[in-house]
Amino acid sequence: RATATDRATLTAVRRELESVDSRRRDADELMRLDLQVHRAIYAATHNPYLEDTLVRHDNLATRIWCLFVERMSDMAGHVEEHGPLIEAIIAGNPDKAAQLARDHVEGFERAIREAI
């Protein structure tokens, strides 16, 4: 459902991800970028019910992340892995995007469980 405008927004977000020097970014900056990525993807669905659900879920996930950020070994990698997902959305490849999104969520869950 992503429009040309959505794809342009996602392309800009992708460029920002590419410019991330994860060694120089602090946790707050990475979390803000993560939020920006998620919200751009959610908006591209053009499904207000799904977007609302995802925003609520992301708010809870961010709270969890804040609690355990000091124990997580690869926070930057978690943010940077959005790149291929964004590319799949821009390319209009729903199967690949779905798999990458699933892998991302499952990876986040594993990372949080390990931190706990």
PDB file of N, CA and C in Angstrom:
ATOM      1  N   ARG A   1       0.801  -1.213   0.000  1.00  0.00           N
ATOM      2  CA  ARG A   1       0.000   0.000   0.000  1.00  0.00           C
ATOM      3  C   ARG A   1       0.838   1.268   0.000  1.00  0.00           C
ATOM      4  N   ALA A   2       2.138   1.132   0.093  1.00  0.00           N
ATOM      5  CA  ALA A   2       3.000   2.312   0.160  1.00  0.00           C
ATOM      6  C   ALA A   2       2.862   3.135  -1.118  1.00  0.00           C
ATOM      7  N   THR A   3       2.641   4.413  -0.931  1.00  0.00           N
ATOM      8  CA  THR A   3       2.529   5.342  -2.050  1.00  0.00           C
ATOM      9  C   THR A   3       3.913   5.837  -2.451  1.00  0.00           C
ATOM     10  N   ALA A   4       3.963   6.615  -3.509  1.00  0.00           N
ATOM     11  CA  ALA A   4       5.233   7.213  -3.927  1.00  0.00           C
ATOM     12  C   ALA A   4       5.786   8.108  -2.819  1.00  0.00           C
ATOM     13  N   THR A   5       4.908   8.820  -2.132  1.00  0.00           N
ATOM     14  CA  THR A   5       5.336   9.674  -1.020  1.00  0.00           C
ATOM     15  C   THR A   5       5.901   8.832   0.117  1.00  0.00           C
ATOM     16  N   ASP A   6       5.230   7.728   0.429  1.00  0.00           N
ATOM     17  CA  ASP A   6       5.729   6.822   1.469  1.00  0.00           C
ATOM     18  C   ASP A   6       7.098   6.268   1.090  1.00  0.00           C
ATOM     19  N   ARG A   7       7.237   5.893  -0.168  1.00  0.00           N
ATOM     20  CA  ARG A   7       8.518   5.340  -0.628  1.00  0.00           C
ATOM     21  C   ARG A   7       9.630   6.386  -0.545  1.00  0.00           C
ATOM     22  N   ALA A   8       9.284   7.635  -0.836  1.00  0.00           N
ATOM     23  CA  ALA A   8      10.276   8.713  -0.722  1.00  0.00           C
ATOM     24  C   ALA A   8      10.672   8.914   0.737  1.00  0.00           C
ATOM     25  N   THR A   9       9.702   8.866   1.633  1.00  0.00           N
ATOM     26  CA  THR A   9       9.994   8.989   3.067  1.00  0.00           C
ATOM     27  C   THR A   9      10.868   7.838   3.530  1.00  0.00           C
ATOM     28  N   LEU A  10      10.516   6.633   3.121  1.00  0.00           N
ATOM     29  CA  LEU A  10      11.298   5.460   3.504  1.00  0.00           C
ATOM     30  C   LEU A  10      12.707   5.507   2.914  1.00  0.00           C
ATOM     31  N   THR A  11      12.836   6.029   1.709  1.00  0.00           N
ATOM     32  CA  THR A  11      14.157   6.179   1.099  1.00  0.00           C
ATOM     33  C   THR A  11      15.011   7.139   1.916  1.00  0.00           C
ATOM     34  N   ALA A  12      14.416   8.233   2.365  1.00  0.00           N
ATOM     35  CA  ALA A  12      15.147   9.193   3.201  1.00  0.00           C
ATOM     36  C   ALA A  12      15.562   8.562   4.523  1.00  0.00           C
ATOM     37  N   VAL A  13      14.673   7.792   5.123  1.00  0.00           N
ATOM     38  CA  VAL A  13      14.992   7.102   6.374  1.00  0.00           C
ATOM     39  C   VAL A  13      16.107   6.085   6.129  1.00  0.00           C
ATOM     40  N   ARG A  14      16.042   5.401   4.997  1.00  0.00           N
ATOM     41  CA  ARG A  14      17.079   4.425   4.650  1.00  0.00           C
ATOM     42  C   ARG A  14      18.437   5.110   4.527  1.00  0.00           C
ATOM     43  N   ARG A  15      18.458   6.284   3.913  1.00  0.00           N
ATOM     44  CA  ARG A  15      19.714   7.030   3.797  1.00  0.00           C
ATOM     45  C   ARG A  15      20.259   7.392   5.175  1.00  0.00           C
ATOM     46  N   GLU A  16      19.364   7.781   6.073  1.00  0.00           N
ATOM     47  CA  GLU A  16      19.810   8.107   7.427  1.00  0.00           C
ATOM     48  C   GLU A  16      20.397   6.876   8.116  1.00  0.00           C
ATOM     49  N   LEU A  17      19.768   5.735   7.919  1.00  0.00           N
ATOM     50  CA  LEU A  17      20.314   4.493   8.485  1.00  0.00           C
ATOM     51  C   LEU A  17      21.705   4.204   7.930  1.00  0.00           C
ATOM     52  N   GLU A  18      21.890   4.439   6.645  1.00  0.00           N
ATOM     53  CA  GLU A  18      23.191   4.179   6.028  1.00  0.00           C
ATOM     54  C   GLU A  18      24.271   5.093   6.585  1.00  0.00           C
ATOM     55  N   SER A  19      23.857   6.274   7.013  1.00  0.00           N
ATOM     56  CA  SER A  19      24.843   7.238   7.511  1.00  0.00           C
ATOM     57  C   SER A  19      25.136   7.063   8.997  1.00  0.00           C
ATOM     58  N   VAL A  20      24.483   6.109   9.617  1.00  0.00           N
ATOM     59  CA  VAL A  20      24.674   5.880  11.042  1.00  0.00           C
ATOM     60  C   VAL A  20      26.076   5.329  11.297  1.00  0.00           C
ATOM     61  N   ASP A  21      26.783   6.027  12.137  1.00  0.00           N
ATOM     62  CA  ASP A  21      28.043   5.480  12.647  1.00  0.00           C
ATOM     63  C   ASP A  21      27.696   4.973  14.037  1.00  0.00           C
ATOM     64  N   SER A  22      27.353   3.704  14.100  1.00  0.00           N
ATOM     65  CA  SER A  22      26.819   3.139  15.338  1.00  0.00           C
ATOM     66  C   SER A  22      27.768   3.293  16.515  1.00  0.00           C
ATOM     67  N   ARG A  23      29.050   3.412  16.238  1.00  0.00           N
ATOM     68  CA  ARG A  23      29.999   3.559  17.340  1.00  0.00           C
ATOM     69  C   ARG A  23      29.921   4.958  17.950  1.00  0.00           C
ATOM     70  N   ARG A  24      29.383   5.903  17.187  1.00  0.00           N
ATOM     71  CA  ARG A  24      29.344   7.285  17.679  1.00  0.00           C
ATOM     72  C   ARG A  24      27.958   7.719  18.132  1.00  0.00           C
ATOM     73  N   ARG A  25      26.977   6.935  17.855  1.00  0.00           N
ATOM     74  CA  ARG A  25      25.621   7.282  18.259  1.00  0.00           C
ATOM     75  C   ARG A  25      25.356   6.782  19.666  1.00  0.00           C
ATOM     76  N   ASP A  26      24.698   7.601  20.448  1.00  0.00           N
ATOM     77  CA  ASP A  26      24.352   7.126  21.778  1.00  0.00           C
ATOM     78  C   ASP A  26      22.995   6.431  21.736  1.00  0.00           C
ATOM     79  N   ALA A  27      22.641   5.806  22.824  1.00  0.00           N
ATOM     80  CA  ALA A  27      21.410   5.013  22.889  1.00  0.00           C
ATOM     81  C   ALA A  27      20.180   5.856  22.585  1.00  0.00           C
ATOM     82  N   ASP A  28      20.122   7.089  23.078  1.00  0.00           N
ATOM     83  CA  ASP A  28      18.959   7.944  22.815  1.00  0.00           C
ATOM     84  C   ASP A  28      18.797   8.227  21.325  1.00  0.00           C
ATOM     85  N   GLU A  29      19.900   8.523  20.654  1.00  0.00           N
ATOM     86  CA  GLU A  29      19.835   8.787  19.216  1.00  0.00           C
ATOM     87  C   GLU A  29      19.381   7.551  18.448  1.00  0.00           C
ATOM     88  N   LEU A  30      19.912   6.403  18.826  1.00  0.00           N
ATOM     89  CA  LEU A  30      19.521   5.169  18.156  1.00  0.00           C
ATOM     90  C   LEU A  30      18.046   4.856  18.382  1.00  0.00           C
ATOM     91  N   MET A  31      17.562   5.096  19.584  1.00  0.00           N
ATOM     92  CA  MET A  31      16.144   4.848  19.855  1.00  0.00           C
ATOM     93  C   MET A  31      15.257   5.794  19.057  1.00  0.00           C
ATOM     94  N   ARG A  32      15.684   7.046  18.929  1.00  0.00           N
ATOM     95  CA  ARG A  32      14.898   7.996  18.129  1.00  0.00           C
ATOM     96  C   ARG A  32      14.868   7.565  16.658  1.00  0.00           C
ATOM     97  N   LEU A  33      16.002   7.113  16.148  1.00  0.00           N
ATOM     98  CA  LEU A  33      16.044   6.644  14.766  1.00  0.00           C
ATOM     99  C   LEU A  33      15.178   5.399  14.599  1.00  0.00           C
ATOM    100  N   ASP A  34      15.233   4.494  15.554  1.00  0.00           N
ATOM    101  CA  ASP A  34      14.397   3.295  15.520  1.00  0.00           C
ATOM    102  C   ASP A  34      12.922   3.687  15.477  1.00  0.00           C
ATOM    103  N   LEU A  35      12.541   4.630  16.299  1.00  0.00           N
ATOM    104  CA  LEU A  35      11.154   5.099  16.323  1.00  0.00           C
ATOM    105  C   LEU A  35      10.768   5.701  14.978  1.00  0.00           C
ATOM    106  N   GLN A  36      11.641   6.491  14.394  1.00  0.00           N
ATOM    107  CA  GLN A  36      11.387   7.117  13.097  1.00  0.00           C
ATOM    108  C   GLN A  36      11.159   6.052  12.021  1.00  0.00           C
ATOM    109  N   VAL A  37      11.998   5.027  12.035  1.00  0.00           N
ATOM    110  CA  VAL A  37      11.869   3.936  11.068  1.00  0.00           C
ATOM    111  C   VAL A  37      10.527   3.236  11.240  1.00  0.00           C
ATOM    112  N   HIS A  38      10.223   2.857  12.460  1.00  0.00           N
ATOM    113  CA  HIS A  38       8.973   2.141  12.712  1.00  0.00           C
ATOM    114  C   HIS A  38       7.764   2.966  12.297  1.00  0.00           C
ATOM    115  N   ARG A  39       7.726   4.220  12.667  1.00  0.00           N
ATOM    116  CA  ARG A  39       6.560   5.048  12.342  1.00  0.00           C
ATOM    117  C   ARG A  39       6.400   5.232  10.836  1.00  0.00           C
ATOM    118  N   ALA A  40       7.504   5.359  10.109  1.00  0.00           N
ATOM    119  CA  ALA A  40       7.419   5.494   8.646  1.00  0.00           C
ATOM    120  C   ALA A  40       6.861   4.216   8.016  1.00  0.00           C
ATOM    121  N   ILE A  41       7.295   3.079   8.540  1.00  0.00           N
ATOM    122  CA  ILE A  41       6.778   1.808   8.023  1.00  0.00           C
ATOM    123  C   ILE A  41       5.293   1.671   8.355  1.00  0.00           C
ATOM    124  N   TYR A  42       4.926   1.983   9.578  1.00  0.00           N
ATOM    125  CA  TYR A  42       3.521   1.874   9.972  1.00  0.00           C
ATOM    126  C   TYR A  42       2.634   2.774   9.118  1.00  0.00           C
ATOM    127  N   ALA A  43       3.080   3.995   8.879  1.00  0.00           N
ATOM    128  CA  ALA A  43       2.289   4.941   8.084  1.00  0.00           C
ATOM    129  C   ALA A  43       2.089   4.432   6.659  1.00  0.00           C
ATOM    130  N   ALA A  44       3.077   3.727   6.140  1.00  0.00           N
ATOM    131  CA  ALA A  44       3.000   3.226   4.767  1.00  0.00           C
ATOM    132  C   ALA A  44       1.946   2.140   4.588  1.00  0.00           C
ATOM    133  N   THR A  45       1.431   1.588   5.678  1.00  0.00           N
ATOM    134  CA  THR A  45       0.396   0.557   5.563  1.00  0.00           C
ATOM    135  C   THR A  45      -0.947   1.143   5.139  1.00  0.00           C
ATOM    136  N   HIS A  46      -1.155   2.402   5.456  1.00  0.00           N
ATOM    137  CA  HIS A  46      -2.433   3.071   5.175  1.00  0.00           C
ATOM    138  C   HIS A  46      -3.602   2.280   5.746  1.00  0.00           C
ATOM    139  N   ASN A  47      -3.354   1.712   6.905  1.00  0.00           N
ATOM    140  CA  ASN A  47      -4.370   0.972   7.634  1.00  0.00           C
ATOM    141  C   ASN A  47      -4.375   1.549   9.049  1.00  0.00           C
ATOM    142  N   PRO A  48      -5.313   2.462   9.337  1.00  0.00           N
ATOM    143  CA  PRO A  48      -5.271   3.148  10.632  1.00  0.00           C
ATOM    144  C   PRO A  48      -5.397   2.211  11.826  1.00  0.00           C
ATOM    145  N   TYR A  49      -6.102   1.101  11.669  1.00  0.00           N
ATOM    146  CA  TYR A  49      -6.254   0.163  12.779  1.00  0.00           C
ATOM    147  C   TYR A  49      -4.941  -0.574  13.042  1.00  0.00           C
ATOM    148  N   LEU A  50      -4.298  -1.025  11.970  1.00  0.00           N
ATOM    149  CA  LEU A  50      -3.001  -1.680  12.117  1.00  0.00           C
ATOM    150  C   LEU A  50      -1.963  -0.698  12.646  1.00  0.00           C
ATOM    151  N   GLU A  51      -1.958   0.512  12.100  1.00  0.00           N
ATOM    152  CA  GLU A  51      -0.993   1.517  12.543  1.00  0.00           C
ATOM    153  C   GLU A  51      -1.165   1.815  14.031  1.00  0.00           C
ATOM    154  N   ASP A  52      -2.387   1.962  14.487  1.00  0.00           N
ATOM    155  CA  ASP A  52      -2.640   2.224  15.904  1.00  0.00           C
ATOM    156  C   ASP A  52      -2.141   1.071  16.771  1.00  0.00           C
ATOM    157  N   THR A  53      -2.421  -0.152  16.342  1.00  0.00           N
ATOM    158  CA  THR A  53      -1.971  -1.325  17.091  1.00  0.00           C
ATOM    159  C   THR A  53      -0.451  -1.387  17.139  1.00  0.00           C
ATOM    160  N   LEU A  54       0.195  -1.128  16.011  1.00  0.00           N
ATOM    161  CA  LEU A  54       1.651  -1.187  15.955  1.00  0.00           C
ATOM    162  C   LEU A  54       2.291  -0.082  16.799  1.00  0.00           C
ATOM    163  N   VAL A  55       1.719   1.096  16.779  1.00  0.00           N
ATOM    164  CA  VAL A  55       2.249   2.191  17.604  1.00  0.00           C
ATOM    165  C   VAL A  55       2.142   1.819  19.079  1.00  0.00           C
ATOM    166  N   ARG A  56       1.013   1.254  19.476  1.00  0.00           N
ATOM    167  CA  ARG A  56       0.852   0.845  20.879  1.00  0.00           C
ATOM    168  C   ARG A  56       1.868  -0.238  21.255  1.00  0.00           C
ATOM    169  N   HIS A  57       2.035  -1.213  20.366  1.00  0.00           N
ATOM    170  CA  HIS A  57       3.013  -2.273  20.619  1.00  0.00           C
ATOM    171  C   HIS A  57       4.423  -1.689  20.694  1.00  0.00           C
ATOM    172  N   ASP A  58       4.747  -0.811  19.766  1.00  0.00           N
ATOM    173  CA  ASP A  58       6.084  -0.214  19.737  1.00  0.00           C
ATOM    174  C   ASP A  58       6.348   0.606  20.991  1.00  0.00           C
ATOM    175  N   ASN A  59       5.335   1.289  21.492  1.00  0.00           N
ATOM    176  CA  ASN A  59       5.504   2.046  22.736  1.00  0.00           C
ATOM    177  C   ASN A  59       5.891   1.122  23.889  1.00  0.00           C
ATOM    178  N   LEU A  60       5.242  -0.031  23.959  1.00  0.00           N
ATOM    179  CA  LEU A  60       5.568  -0.994  25.013  1.00  0.00           C
ATOM    180  C   LEU A  60       6.958  -1.595  24.798  1.00  0.00           C
ATOM    181  N   ALA A  61       7.280  -1.917  23.556  1.00  0.00           N
ATOM    182  CA  ALA A  61       8.604  -2.475  23.260  1.00  0.00           C
ATOM    183  C   ALA A  61       9.702  -1.469  23.592  1.00  0.00           C
ATOM    184  N   THR A  62       9.446  -0.202  23.320  1.00  0.00           N
ATOM    185  CA  THR A  62      10.434   0.833  23.631  1.00  0.00           C
ATOM    186  C   THR A  62      10.639   0.951  25.132  1.00  0.00           C
ATOM    187  N   ARG A  63       9.579   0.814  25.895  1.00  0.00           N
ATOM    188  CA  ARG A  63       9.718   0.837  27.359  1.00  0.00           C
ATOM    189  C   ARG A  63      10.605  -0.313  27.831  1.00  0.00           C
ATOM    190  N   ILE A  64      10.373  -1.485  27.262  1.00  0.00           N
ATOM    191  CA  ILE A  64      11.190  -2.645  27.621  1.00  0.00           C
ATOM    192  C   ILE A  64      12.641  -2.390  27.236  1.00  0.00           C
ATOM    193  N   TRP A  65      12.831  -1.853  26.035  1.00  0.00           N
ATOM    194  CA  TRP A  65      14.177  -1.573  25.539  1.00  0.00           C
ATOM    195  C   TRP A  65      14.903  -0.611  26.479  1.00  0.00           C
ATOM    196  N   CYS A  66      14.187   0.415  26.925  1.00  0.00           N
ATOM    197  CA  CYS A  66      14.798   1.392  27.840  1.00  0.00           C
ATOM    198  C   CYS A  66      15.250   0.744  29.146  1.00  0.00           C
ATOM    199  N   LEU A  67      14.491  -0.206  29.617  1.00  0.00           N
ATOM    200  CA  LEU A  67      14.845  -0.887  30.861  1.00  0.00           C
ATOM    201  C   LEU A  67      16.127  -1.717  30.737  1.00  0.00           C
ATOM    202  N   PHE A  68      16.353  -2.273  29.543  1.00  0.00           N
ATOM    203  CA  PHE A  68      17.451  -3.226  29.380  1.00  0.00           C
ATOM    204  C   PHE A  68      18.533  -2.770  28.411  1.00  0.00           C
ATOM    205  N   VAL A  69      18.484  -1.516  27.980  1.00  0.00           N
ATOM    206  CA  VAL A  69      19.419  -1.033  26.966  1.00  0.00           C
ATOM    207  C   VAL A  69      20.876  -1.213  27.388  1.00  0.00           C
ATOM    208  N   GLU A  70      21.151  -1.047  28.640  1.00  0.00           N
ATOM    209  CA  GLU A  70      22.539  -1.187  29.109  1.00  0.00           C
ATOM    210  C   GLU A  70      23.039  -2.629  29.034  1.00  0.00           C
ATOM    211  N   ARG A  71      22.116  -3.568  29.023  1.00  0.00           N
ATOM    212  CA  ARG A  71      22.501  -4.981  28.973  1.00  0.00           C
ATOM    213  C   ARG A  71      22.527  -5.541  27.548  1.00  0.00           C
ATOM    214  N   MET A  72      22.062  -4.765  26.581  1.00  0.00           N
ATOM    215  CA  MET A  72      21.986  -5.257  25.212  1.00  0.00           C
ATOM    216  C   MET A  72      23.308  -5.009  24.500  1.00  0.00           C
ATOM    217  N   SER A  73      23.804  -6.038  23.867  1.00  0.00           N
ATOM    218  CA  SER A  73      25.137  -5.955  23.272  1.00  0.00           C
ATOM    219  C   SER A  73      25.152  -5.295  21.900  1.00  0.00           C
ATOM    220  N   ASP A  74      24.071  -5.381  21.131  1.00  0.00           N
ATOM    221  CA  ASP A  74      24.112  -4.881  19.759  1.00  0.00           C
ATOM    222  C   ASP A  74      22.888  -4.042  19.426  1.00  0.00           C
ATOM    223  N   MET A  75      22.707  -2.982  20.171  1.00  0.00           N
ATOM    224  CA  MET A  75      21.571  -2.109  19.928  1.00  0.00           C
ATOM    225  C   MET A  75      21.637  -1.488  18.536  1.00  0.00           C
ATOM    226  N   ALA A  76      22.815  -1.046  18.134  1.00  0.00           N
ATOM    227  CA  ALA A  76      22.968  -0.423  16.817  1.00  0.00           C
ATOM    228  C   ALA A  76      22.632  -1.413  15.703  1.00  0.00           C
ATOM    229  N   GLY A  77      23.052  -2.646  15.854  1.00  0.00           N
ATOM    230  CA  GLY A  77      22.738  -3.661  14.860  1.00  0.00           C
ATOM    231  C   GLY A  77      21.246  -3.880  14.725  1.00  0.00           C
ATOM    232  N   HIS A  78      20.547  -3.825  15.836  1.00  0.00           N
ATOM    233  CA  HIS A  78      19.097  -3.981  15.823  1.00  0.00           C
ATOM    234  C   HIS A  78      18.451  -2.859  15.013  1.00  0.00           C
ATOM    235  N   VAL A  79      18.948  -1.650  15.153  1.00  0.00           N
ATOM    236  CA  VAL A  79      18.397  -0.513  14.410  1.00  0.00           C
ATOM    237  C   VAL A  79      18.797  -0.609  12.941  1.00  0.00           C
ATOM    238  N   GLU A  80      20.051  -0.917  12.678  1.00  0.00           N
ATOM    239  CA  GLU A  80      20.552  -0.962  11.311  1.00  0.00           C
ATOM    240  C   GLU A  80      19.913  -2.075  10.477  1.00  0.00           C
ATOM    241  N   GLU A  81      19.429  -3.129  11.126  1.00  0.00           N
ATOM    242  CA  GLU A  81      18.842  -4.225  10.364  1.00  0.00           C
ATOM    243  C   GLU A  81      17.524  -3.852   9.704  1.00  0.00           C
ATOM    244  N   HIS A  82      17.019  -2.660   9.972  1.00  0.00           N
ATOM    245  CA  HIS A  82      15.816  -2.183   9.284  1.00  0.00           C
ATOM    246  C   HIS A  82      16.079  -1.901   7.800  1.00  0.00           C
ATOM    247  N   GLY A  83      17.347  -1.702   7.447  1.00  0.00           N
ATOM    248  CA  GLY A  83      17.675  -1.340   6.066  1.00  0.00           C
ATOM    249  C   GLY A  83      17.083  -2.277   5.024  1.00  0.00           C
ATOM    250  N   PRO A  84      17.369  -3.573   5.092  1.00  0.00           N
ATOM    251  CA  PRO A  84      16.800  -4.495   4.108  1.00  0.00           C
ATOM    252  C   PRO A  84      15.266  -4.527   4.134  1.00  0.00           C
ATOM    253  N   LEU A  85      14.673  -4.352   5.300  1.00  0.00           N
ATOM    254  CA  LEU A  85      13.211  -4.310   5.394  1.00  0.00           C
ATOM    255  C   LEU A  85      12.676  -3.109   4.623  1.00  0.00           C
ATOM    256  N   ILE A  86      13.277  -1.959   4.836  1.00  0.00           N
ATOM    257  CA  ILE A  86      12.851  -0.761   4.113  1.00  0.00           C
ATOM    258  C   ILE A  86      13.015  -0.967   2.605  1.00  0.00           C
ATOM    259  N   GLU A  87      14.127  -1.559   2.197  1.00  0.00           N
ATOM    260  CA  GLU A  87      14.361  -1.809   0.774  1.00  0.00           C
ATOM    261  C   GLU A  87      13.280  -2.718   0.190  1.00  0.00           C
ATOM    262  N   ALA A  88      12.890  -3.743   0.942  1.00  0.00           N
ATOM    263  CA  ALA A  88      11.838  -4.651   0.464  1.00  0.00           C
ATOM    264  C   ALA A  88      10.507  -3.916   0.317  1.00  0.00           C
ATOM    265  N   ILE A  89      10.202  -3.022   1.237  1.00  0.00           N
ATOM    266  CA  ILE A  89       8.952  -2.256   1.154  1.00  0.00           C
ATOM    267  C   ILE A  89       9.004  -1.334  -0.053  1.00  0.00           C
ATOM    268  N   ILE A  90      10.109  -0.627  -0.221  1.00  0.00           N
ATOM    269  CA  ILE A  90      10.251   0.289  -1.354  1.00  0.00           C
ATOM    270  C   ILE A  90      10.128  -0.462  -2.675  1.00  0.00           C
ATOM    271  N   ALA A  91      10.714  -1.653  -2.731  1.00  0.00           N
ATOM    272  CA  ALA A  91      10.682  -2.459  -3.952  1.00  0.00           C
ATOM    273  C   ALA A  91       9.320  -3.115  -4.197  1.00  0.00           C
ATOM    274  N   GLY A  92       8.440  -3.044  -3.202  1.00  0.00           N
ATOM    275  CA  GLY A  92       7.126  -3.662  -3.349  1.00  0.00           C
ATOM    276  C   GLY A  92       7.181  -5.177  -3.263  1.00  0.00           C
ATOM    277  N   ASN A  93       8.049  -5.686  -2.382  1.00  0.00           N
ATOM    278  CA  ASN A  93       8.207  -7.122  -2.204  1.00  0.00           C
ATOM    279  C   ASN A  93       7.609  -7.522  -0.848  1.00  0.00           C
ATOM    280  N   PRO A  94       6.299  -7.791  -0.820  1.00  0.00           N
ATOM    281  CA  PRO A  94       5.639  -8.047   0.471  1.00  0.00           C
ATOM    282  C   PRO A  94       6.100  -9.311   1.177  1.00  0.00           C
ATOM    283  N   ASP A  95       6.420 -10.357   0.431  1.00  0.00           N
ATOM    284  CA  ASP A  95       6.854 -11.601   1.075  1.00  0.00           C
ATOM    285  C   ASP A  95       8.189 -11.408   1.787  1.00  0.00           C
ATOM    286  N   LYS A  96       9.114 -10.758   1.111  1.00  0.00           N
ATOM    287  CA  LYS A  96      10.413 -10.510   1.727  1.00  0.00           C
ATOM    288  C   LYS A  96      10.265  -9.563   2.908  1.00  0.00           C
ATOM    289  N   ALA A  97       9.445  -8.518   2.747  1.00  0.00           N
ATOM    290  CA  ALA A  97       9.232  -7.565   3.842  1.00  0.00           C
ATOM    291  C   ALA A  97       8.624  -8.265   5.053  1.00  0.00           C
ATOM    292  N   ALA A  98       7.677  -9.147   4.809  1.00  0.00           N
ATOM    293  CA  ALA A  98       7.028  -9.865   5.910  1.00  0.00           C
ATOM    294  C   ALA A  98       8.033 -10.737   6.657  1.00  0.00           C
ATOM    295  N   GLN A  99       8.880 -11.441   5.910  1.00  0.00           N
ATOM    296  CA  GLN A  99       9.876 -12.303   6.549  1.00  0.00           C
ATOM    297  C   GLN A  99      10.891 -11.487   7.346  1.00  0.00           C
ATOM    298  N   LEU A 100      11.357 -10.386   6.766  1.00  0.00           N
ATOM    299  CA  LEU A 100      12.319  -9.535   7.461  1.00  0.00           C
ATOM    300  C   LEU A 100      11.704  -8.911   8.714  1.00  0.00           C
ATOM    301  N   ALA A 101      10.442  -8.504   8.630  1.00  0.00           N
ATOM    302  CA  ALA A 101       9.763  -7.933   9.800  1.00  0.00           C
ATOM    303  C   ALA A 101       9.634  -8.993  10.892  1.00  0.00           C
ATOM    304  N   ARG A 102       9.255 -10.198  10.495  1.00  0.00           N
ATOM    305  CA  ARG A 102       9.128 -11.293  11.466  1.00  0.00           C
ATOM    306  C   ARG A 102      10.481 -11.589  12.124  1.00  0.00           C
ATOM    307  N   ASP A 103      11.527 -11.669  11.313  1.00  0.00           N
ATOM    308  CA  ASP A 103      12.868 -11.920  11.841  1.00  0.00           C
ATOM    309  C   ASP A 103      13.289 -10.811  12.808  1.00  0.00           C
ATOM    310  N   HIS A 104      12.955  -9.581  12.476  1.00  0.00           N
ATOM    311  CA  HIS A 104      13.309  -8.431  13.313  1.00  0.00           C
ATOM    312  C   HIS A 104      12.624  -8.523  14.683  1.00  0.00           C
ATOM    313  N   VAL A 105      11.349  -8.810  14.674  1.00  0.00           N
ATOM    314  CA  VAL A 105      10.595  -8.918  15.934  1.00  0.00           C
ATOM    315  C   VAL A 105      11.106 -10.083  16.764  1.00  0.00           C
ATOM    316  N   GLU A 106      11.337 -11.210  16.123  1.00  0.00           N
ATOM    317  CA  GLU A 106      11.838 -12.380  16.854  1.00  0.00           C
ATOM    318  C   GLU A 106      13.246 -12.125  17.397  1.00  0.00           C
ATOM    319  N   GLY A 107      14.070 -11.436  16.644  1.00  0.00           N
ATOM    320  CA  GLY A 107      15.412 -11.093  17.108  1.00  0.00           C
ATOM    321  C   GLY A 107      15.375 -10.156  18.304  1.00  0.00           C
ATOM    322  N   PHE A 108      14.458  -9.203  18.264  1.00  0.00           N
ATOM    323  CA  PHE A 108      14.294  -8.292  19.393  1.00  0.00           C
ATOM    324  C   PHE A 108      13.860  -9.071  20.633  1.00  0.00           C
ATOM    325  N   GLU A 109      12.920  -9.975  20.451  1.00  0.00           N
ATOM    326  CA  GLU A 109      12.463 -10.782  21.584  1.00  0.00           C
ATOM    327  C   GLU A 109      13.615 -11.589  22.179  1.00  0.00           C
ATOM    328  N   ARG A 110      14.417 -12.222  21.319  1.00  0.00           N
ATOM    329  CA  ARG A 110      15.561 -12.992  21.812  1.00  0.00           C
ATOM    330  C   ARG A 110      16.541 -12.103  22.574  1.00  0.00           C
ATOM    331  N   ALA A 111      16.824 -10.925  22.029  1.00  0.00           N
ATOM    332  CA  ALA A 111      17.772 -10.011  22.665  1.00  0.00           C
ATOM    333  C   ALA A 111      17.267  -9.577  24.032  1.00  0.00           C
ATOM    334  N   ILE A 112      15.988  -9.293  24.148  1.00  0.00           N
ATOM    335  CA  ILE A 112      15.413  -8.881  25.427  1.00  0.00           C
ATOM    336  C   ILE A 112      15.449 -10.050  26.417  1.00  0.00           C
ATOM    337  N   ARG A 113      15.097 -11.229  25.967  1.00  0.00           N
ATOM    338  CA  ARG A 113      15.136 -12.390  26.851  1.00  0.00           C
ATOM    339  C   ARG A 113      16.547 -12.655  27.367  1.00  0.00           C
ATOM    340  N   GLU A 114      17.534 -12.496  26.496  1.00  0.00           N
ATOM    341  CA  GLU A 114      18.920 -12.674  26.934  1.00  0.00           C
ATOM    342  C   GLU A 114      19.333 -11.608  27.940  1.00  0.00           C
ATOM    343  N   ALA A 115      18.832 -10.378  27.749  1.00  0.00           N
ATOM    344  CA  ALA A 115      19.184  -9.285  28.662  1.00  0.00           C
ATOM    345  C   ALA A 115      18.532  -9.477  30.023  1.00  0.00           C
ATOM    346  N   ILE A 116      17.365 -10.059  30.031  1.00  0.00           N
ATOM    347  CA  ILE A 116      16.658 -10.280  31.309  1.00  0.00           C
ATOM    348  C   ILE A 116      17.390 -11.334  32.092  1.00  0.00           C
TER     349      ILE A 116
END
